[in-house]
């Protein structure tokens, strides 16, 4: 039986998962969101992709990169600080992922947008 703190509608749970992901700037992990919306990891992952045409991880990275772009434009935080802020433990991993997604390094992006 489903606990009453969770809405019965699966679509509402998926929307809540998206909302949690966006408001956390992509910092929540799948298991944390699954727990918060009352779904198993597997069920949330499958249903999320089916309902959004993007996987949870893809959307998470997309949100992190948008947040990083905002920080690069509007703050003087170092690349290392921004990497940590968006959930990367190493600036090199962040820089590689940023360049893959944005087509510019974080430093190049900052120069173009300041």
N, C-alpha and C. Protein backbone atom coordinates (compact mmCIF):
# COMPACT_ATOMS: atom_id res chain seq x y z
N UNK A 1 0.84 -1.18 0.00
CA UNK A 1 0.00 0.00 0.00
C UNK A 1 0.89 1.24 0.00
N UNK A 2 0.47 2.24 -0.72
CA UNK A 2 1.23 3.48 -0.88
C UNK A 2 1.04 4.38 0.34
N UNK A 3 2.11 4.94 0.81
CA UNK A 3 2.07 5.87 1.93
C UNK A 3 1.30 7.12 1.51
N UNK A 4 0.48 7.68 2.37
CA UNK A 4 -0.38 8.80 2.01
C UNK A 4 0.38 10.10 1.76
N UNK A 5 1.65 10.18 2.14
CA UNK A 5 2.39 11.42 1.89
C UNK A 5 2.78 11.56 0.41
N UNK A 6 2.61 10.50 -0.38
CA UNK A 6 2.94 10.55 -1.79
C UNK A 6 1.67 10.68 -2.61
N UNK A 7 1.68 11.53 -3.61
CA UNK A 7 0.48 11.63 -4.47
C UNK A 7 0.30 10.32 -5.24
N UNK A 8 -0.93 9.97 -5.53
CA UNK A 8 -1.19 8.72 -6.22
C UNK A 8 -0.85 8.80 -7.71
N UNK A 9 -0.94 9.97 -8.29
CA UNK A 9 -0.74 10.15 -9.72
C UNK A 9 0.74 10.10 -10.07
N UNK A 10 1.12 9.17 -10.95
CA UNK A 10 2.51 9.01 -11.36
C UNK A 10 3.03 10.26 -12.06
N UNK A 11 2.20 10.89 -12.88
CA UNK A 11 2.62 12.11 -13.57
C UNK A 11 2.99 13.21 -12.58
N UNK A 12 2.24 13.31 -11.49
CA UNK A 12 2.57 14.30 -10.46
C UNK A 12 3.91 14.00 -9.81
N UNK A 13 4.20 12.74 -9.62
CA UNK A 13 5.48 12.36 -9.03
C UNK A 13 6.65 12.71 -9.95
N UNK A 14 6.46 12.48 -11.24
CA UNK A 14 7.52 12.80 -12.21
C UNK A 14 7.73 14.30 -12.27
N UNK A 15 6.64 15.06 -12.27
CA UNK A 15 6.77 16.53 -12.28
C UNK A 15 7.45 17.02 -11.01
N UNK A 16 7.11 16.41 -9.88
CA UNK A 16 7.76 16.76 -8.61
C UNK A 16 9.25 16.44 -8.67
N UNK A 17 9.60 15.32 -9.28
CA UNK A 17 11.01 14.94 -9.43
C UNK A 17 11.75 15.97 -10.26
N UNK A 18 11.14 16.41 -11.38
CA UNK A 18 11.76 17.44 -12.22
C UNK A 18 11.93 18.74 -11.45
N UNK A 19 10.92 19.10 -10.70
CA UNK A 19 10.96 20.33 -9.90
C UNK A 19 12.08 20.26 -8.86
N UNK A 20 12.20 19.14 -8.18
CA UNK A 20 13.26 18.97 -7.18
C UNK A 20 14.64 19.06 -7.83
N UNK A 21 14.78 18.46 -8.99
CA UNK A 21 16.05 18.50 -9.71
C UNK A 21 16.40 19.93 -10.09
N UNK A 22 15.44 20.66 -10.61
CA UNK A 22 15.69 22.04 -11.04
C UNK A 22 15.98 22.96 -9.86
N UNK A 23 15.21 22.85 -8.79
CA UNK A 23 15.43 23.75 -7.65
C UNK A 23 16.73 23.46 -6.91
N UNK A 24 17.26 22.25 -7.10
CA UNK A 24 18.54 21.92 -6.47
C UNK A 24 19.71 22.20 -7.41
N UNK A 25 19.42 22.78 -8.57
CA UNK A 25 20.43 23.01 -9.61
C UNK A 25 21.17 21.74 -9.99
N UNK A 26 20.44 20.63 -9.98
CA UNK A 26 21.00 19.36 -10.42
C UNK A 26 21.81 18.63 -9.37
N UNK A 27 21.75 19.08 -8.13
CA UNK A 27 22.60 18.47 -7.10
C UNK A 27 22.04 17.18 -6.51
N UNK A 28 20.72 17.00 -6.55
CA UNK A 28 20.16 15.76 -6.02
C UNK A 28 20.55 14.58 -6.90
N UNK A 29 20.75 13.47 -6.27
CA UNK A 29 21.02 12.23 -7.00
C UNK A 29 19.68 11.50 -7.21
N UNK A 30 19.69 10.59 -8.14
CA UNK A 30 18.47 9.87 -8.49
C UNK A 30 17.85 9.20 -7.27
N UNK A 31 18.66 8.55 -6.45
CA UNK A 31 18.10 7.84 -5.29
C UNK A 31 17.46 8.80 -4.29
N UNK A 32 17.99 10.01 -4.17
CA UNK A 32 17.41 11.00 -3.26
C UNK A 32 16.03 11.46 -3.75
N UNK A 33 15.95 11.71 -5.03
CA UNK A 33 14.67 12.14 -5.59
C UNK A 33 13.66 10.99 -5.57
N UNK A 34 14.11 9.79 -5.90
CA UNK A 34 13.22 8.63 -5.86
C UNK A 34 12.62 8.48 -4.47
N UNK A 35 13.44 8.65 -3.46
CA UNK A 35 12.97 8.55 -2.09
C UNK A 35 11.95 9.65 -1.77
N UNK A 36 12.22 10.86 -2.24
CA UNK A 36 11.34 11.99 -1.94
C UNK A 36 9.97 11.88 -2.63
N UNK A 37 9.93 11.25 -3.79
CA UNK A 37 8.65 11.14 -4.51
C UNK A 37 8.00 9.76 -4.35
N UNK A 38 8.65 8.87 -3.62
CA UNK A 38 8.05 7.58 -3.30
C UNK A 38 8.05 6.56 -4.43
N UNK A 39 9.12 6.57 -5.23
CA UNK A 39 9.25 5.59 -6.31
C UNK A 39 10.58 4.86 -6.18
N UNK A 40 10.64 3.67 -6.74
CA UNK A 40 11.92 2.96 -6.76
C UNK A 40 12.84 3.66 -7.75
N UNK A 41 14.13 3.43 -7.59
CA UNK A 41 15.11 4.02 -8.52
C UNK A 41 14.78 3.63 -9.97
N UNK A 42 14.59 2.36 -10.17
CA UNK A 42 14.36 1.85 -11.53
C UNK A 42 13.08 2.43 -12.13
N UNK A 43 12.03 2.45 -11.34
CA UNK A 43 10.76 2.95 -11.85
C UNK A 43 10.85 4.43 -12.18
N UNK A 44 11.48 5.21 -11.31
CA UNK A 44 11.64 6.64 -11.58
C UNK A 44 12.49 6.85 -12.82
N UNK A 45 13.58 6.14 -12.94
CA UNK A 45 14.48 6.30 -14.07
C UNK A 45 13.78 5.99 -15.39
N UNK A 46 13.09 4.86 -15.45
CA UNK A 46 12.38 4.46 -16.68
C UNK A 46 11.26 5.44 -17.02
N UNK A 47 10.46 5.78 -16.02
CA UNK A 47 9.31 6.65 -16.25
C UNK A 47 9.75 8.06 -16.58
N UNK A 48 10.82 8.50 -15.95
CA UNK A 48 11.35 9.84 -16.20
C UNK A 48 11.73 9.99 -17.67
N UNK A 49 12.46 9.03 -18.18
CA UNK A 49 12.89 9.09 -19.58
C UNK A 49 11.70 8.99 -20.52
N UNK A 50 10.79 8.12 -20.21
CA UNK A 50 9.60 7.93 -21.04
C UNK A 50 8.77 9.22 -21.11
N UNK A 51 8.63 9.92 -19.99
CA UNK A 51 7.80 11.12 -19.93
C UNK A 51 8.51 12.38 -20.40
N UNK A 52 9.84 12.38 -20.45
CA UNK A 52 10.57 13.62 -20.72
C UNK A 52 11.44 13.57 -21.96
N UNK A 53 11.56 12.45 -22.59
CA UNK A 53 12.44 12.24 -23.75
C UNK A 53 13.91 12.47 -23.41
N UNK A 54 14.21 12.67 -22.16
CA UNK A 54 15.59 12.79 -21.68
C UNK A 54 15.72 11.93 -20.44
N UNK A 55 16.88 11.35 -20.27
CA UNK A 55 17.10 10.59 -19.05
C UNK A 55 17.29 11.54 -17.88
N UNK A 56 17.17 11.01 -16.70
CA UNK A 56 17.39 11.79 -15.49
C UNK A 56 18.79 12.39 -15.53
N UNK A 57 19.79 11.57 -15.86
CA UNK A 57 21.18 12.06 -15.87
C UNK A 57 21.39 13.14 -16.91
N UNK A 58 20.79 13.00 -18.07
CA UNK A 58 20.92 14.01 -19.13
C UNK A 58 20.35 15.35 -18.65
N UNK A 59 19.15 15.31 -18.07
CA UNK A 59 18.54 16.54 -17.57
C UNK A 59 19.35 17.12 -16.42
N UNK A 60 19.87 16.27 -15.57
CA UNK A 60 20.70 16.72 -14.45
C UNK A 60 21.93 17.48 -14.95
N UNK A 61 22.60 16.94 -15.92
CA UNK A 61 23.79 17.60 -16.48
C UNK A 61 23.40 18.91 -17.15
N UNK A 62 22.30 18.89 -17.87
CA UNK A 62 21.81 20.10 -18.53
C UNK A 62 21.55 21.22 -17.51
N UNK A 63 20.91 20.88 -16.42
CA UNK A 63 20.62 21.86 -15.37
C UNK A 63 21.91 22.36 -14.73
N UNK A 64 22.84 21.46 -14.46
CA UNK A 64 24.13 21.86 -13.89
C UNK A 64 24.88 22.82 -14.80
N UNK A 65 24.86 22.55 -16.10
CA UNK A 65 25.57 23.41 -17.04
C UNK A 65 24.92 24.79 -17.15
N UNK A 66 23.59 24.84 -17.08
CA UNK A 66 22.91 26.14 -17.09
C UNK A 66 23.25 26.94 -15.84
N UNK A 67 23.30 26.26 -14.71
CA UNK A 67 23.67 26.92 -13.46
C UNK A 67 25.12 27.40 -13.52
N UNK A 68 26.00 26.59 -14.07
CA UNK A 68 27.41 26.97 -14.21
C UNK A 68 27.54 28.19 -15.11
N UNK A 69 26.79 28.22 -16.20
CA UNK A 69 26.83 29.38 -17.10
C UNK A 69 26.39 30.65 -16.36
N UNK A 70 25.37 30.52 -15.56
CA UNK A 70 24.88 31.66 -14.77
C UNK A 70 25.97 32.14 -13.80
N UNK A 71 26.62 31.20 -13.13
CA UNK A 71 27.69 31.56 -12.19
C UNK A 71 28.88 32.19 -12.92
N UNK A 72 29.22 31.68 -14.08
CA UNK A 72 30.33 32.24 -14.85
C UNK A 72 30.03 33.67 -15.29
N UNK A 73 28.80 33.94 -15.65
CA UNK A 73 28.41 35.28 -16.09
C UNK A 73 28.31 36.28 -14.94
N UNK A 74 27.80 35.82 -13.81
CA UNK A 74 27.37 36.75 -12.76
C UNK A 74 28.20 36.77 -11.50
N UNK A 75 29.25 35.96 -11.44
CA UNK A 75 30.08 35.94 -10.22
C UNK A 75 31.55 35.98 -10.62
N UNK A 76 32.37 36.15 -9.62
CA UNK A 76 33.81 36.08 -9.81
C UNK A 76 34.39 34.81 -9.18
N UNK A 77 33.54 33.81 -8.98
CA UNK A 77 34.01 32.55 -8.42
C UNK A 77 35.03 31.92 -9.37
N UNK A 78 35.99 31.23 -8.80
CA UNK A 78 36.96 30.53 -9.64
C UNK A 78 36.29 29.33 -10.31
N UNK A 79 36.93 28.79 -11.31
CA UNK A 79 36.41 27.60 -12.00
C UNK A 79 36.30 26.44 -11.02
N UNK A 80 37.27 26.32 -10.15
CA UNK A 80 37.25 25.27 -9.12
C UNK A 80 36.03 25.44 -8.20
N UNK A 81 35.75 26.66 -7.79
CA UNK A 81 34.60 26.93 -6.92
C UNK A 81 33.28 26.64 -7.65
N UNK A 82 33.20 27.02 -8.90
CA UNK A 82 31.99 26.76 -9.68
C UNK A 82 31.81 25.27 -9.89
N UNK A 83 32.89 24.57 -10.18
CA UNK A 83 32.82 23.12 -10.34
C UNK A 83 32.24 22.48 -9.08
N UNK A 84 32.74 22.87 -7.94
CA UNK A 84 32.25 22.34 -6.67
C UNK A 84 30.78 22.72 -6.46
N UNK A 85 30.44 23.96 -6.76
CA UNK A 85 29.08 24.47 -6.56
C UNK A 85 28.05 23.69 -7.39
N UNK A 86 28.43 23.26 -8.58
CA UNK A 86 27.49 22.52 -9.42
C UNK A 86 27.60 21.01 -9.26
N UNK A 87 28.44 20.56 -8.33
CA UNK A 87 28.45 19.15 -7.97
C UNK A 87 29.60 18.31 -8.49
N UNK A 88 30.65 18.95 -8.98
CA UNK A 88 31.83 18.20 -9.43
C UNK A 88 32.92 18.31 -8.37
N UNK A 89 33.58 17.22 -8.09
CA UNK A 89 34.64 17.26 -7.09
C UNK A 89 35.98 17.69 -7.68
N UNK A 90 36.10 17.62 -8.99
CA UNK A 90 37.34 18.03 -9.65
C UNK A 90 37.04 19.00 -10.78
N UNK A 91 37.77 20.08 -10.82
CA UNK A 91 37.54 21.09 -11.86
C UNK A 91 37.77 20.53 -13.26
N UNK A 92 38.68 19.56 -13.38
CA UNK A 92 38.98 19.02 -14.70
C UNK A 92 37.78 18.26 -15.28
N UNK A 93 37.07 17.52 -14.45
CA UNK A 93 35.87 16.81 -14.91
C UNK A 93 34.79 17.82 -15.32
N UNK A 94 34.64 18.84 -14.51
CA UNK A 94 33.67 19.89 -14.82
C UNK A 94 34.02 20.56 -16.14
N UNK A 95 35.28 20.94 -16.32
CA UNK A 95 35.71 21.64 -17.53
C UNK A 95 35.48 20.78 -18.77
N UNK A 96 35.80 19.52 -18.67
CA UNK A 96 35.60 18.60 -19.80
C UNK A 96 34.11 18.50 -20.15
N UNK A 97 33.27 18.32 -19.16
CA UNK A 97 31.82 18.20 -19.39
C UNK A 97 31.25 19.51 -19.92
N UNK A 98 31.70 20.63 -19.37
CA UNK A 98 31.22 21.94 -19.81
C UNK A 98 31.54 22.15 -21.28
N UNK A 99 32.76 21.84 -21.66
CA UNK A 99 33.18 22.02 -23.05
C UNK A 99 32.41 21.09 -23.99
N UNK A 100 32.13 19.88 -23.56
CA UNK A 100 31.32 18.95 -24.35
C UNK A 100 29.94 19.53 -24.63
N UNK A 101 29.35 20.13 -23.62
CA UNK A 101 27.97 20.59 -23.71
C UNK A 101 27.83 21.99 -24.30
N UNK A 102 28.75 22.89 -23.96
CA UNK A 102 28.62 24.30 -24.32
C UNK A 102 29.50 24.67 -25.52
N UNK A 103 30.46 23.82 -25.81
CA UNK A 103 31.41 24.00 -26.93
C UNK A 103 32.50 25.03 -26.65
N UNK A 104 32.53 25.55 -25.45
CA UNK A 104 33.60 26.46 -25.01
C UNK A 104 34.06 26.01 -23.64
N UNK A 105 35.31 26.30 -23.31
CA UNK A 105 35.76 26.03 -21.95
C UNK A 105 35.09 27.04 -21.03
N UNK A 106 35.04 26.78 -19.74
CA UNK A 106 34.45 27.75 -18.81
C UNK A 106 35.13 29.13 -18.89
N UNK A 107 36.45 29.14 -19.05
CA UNK A 107 37.18 30.41 -19.13
C UNK A 107 36.77 31.17 -20.40
N UNK A 108 36.71 30.46 -21.53
CA UNK A 108 36.28 31.10 -22.78
C UNK A 108 34.85 31.64 -22.67
N UNK A 109 33.99 30.83 -22.07
CA UNK A 109 32.60 31.24 -21.90
C UNK A 109 32.51 32.50 -21.04
N UNK A 110 33.26 32.54 -19.98
CA UNK A 110 33.25 33.71 -19.09
C UNK A 110 33.72 34.96 -19.84
N UNK A 111 34.79 34.83 -20.58
CA UNK A 111 35.33 35.98 -21.35
C UNK A 111 34.30 36.50 -22.35
N UNK A 112 33.59 35.62 -22.98
CA UNK A 112 32.62 36.03 -23.99
C UNK A 112 31.36 36.65 -23.39
N UNK A 113 31.10 36.36 -22.13
CA UNK A 113 29.83 36.78 -21.52
C UNK A 113 29.94 37.76 -20.36
N UNK A 114 31.10 38.30 -20.14
CA UNK A 114 31.26 39.30 -19.06
C UNK A 114 31.11 40.67 -19.62
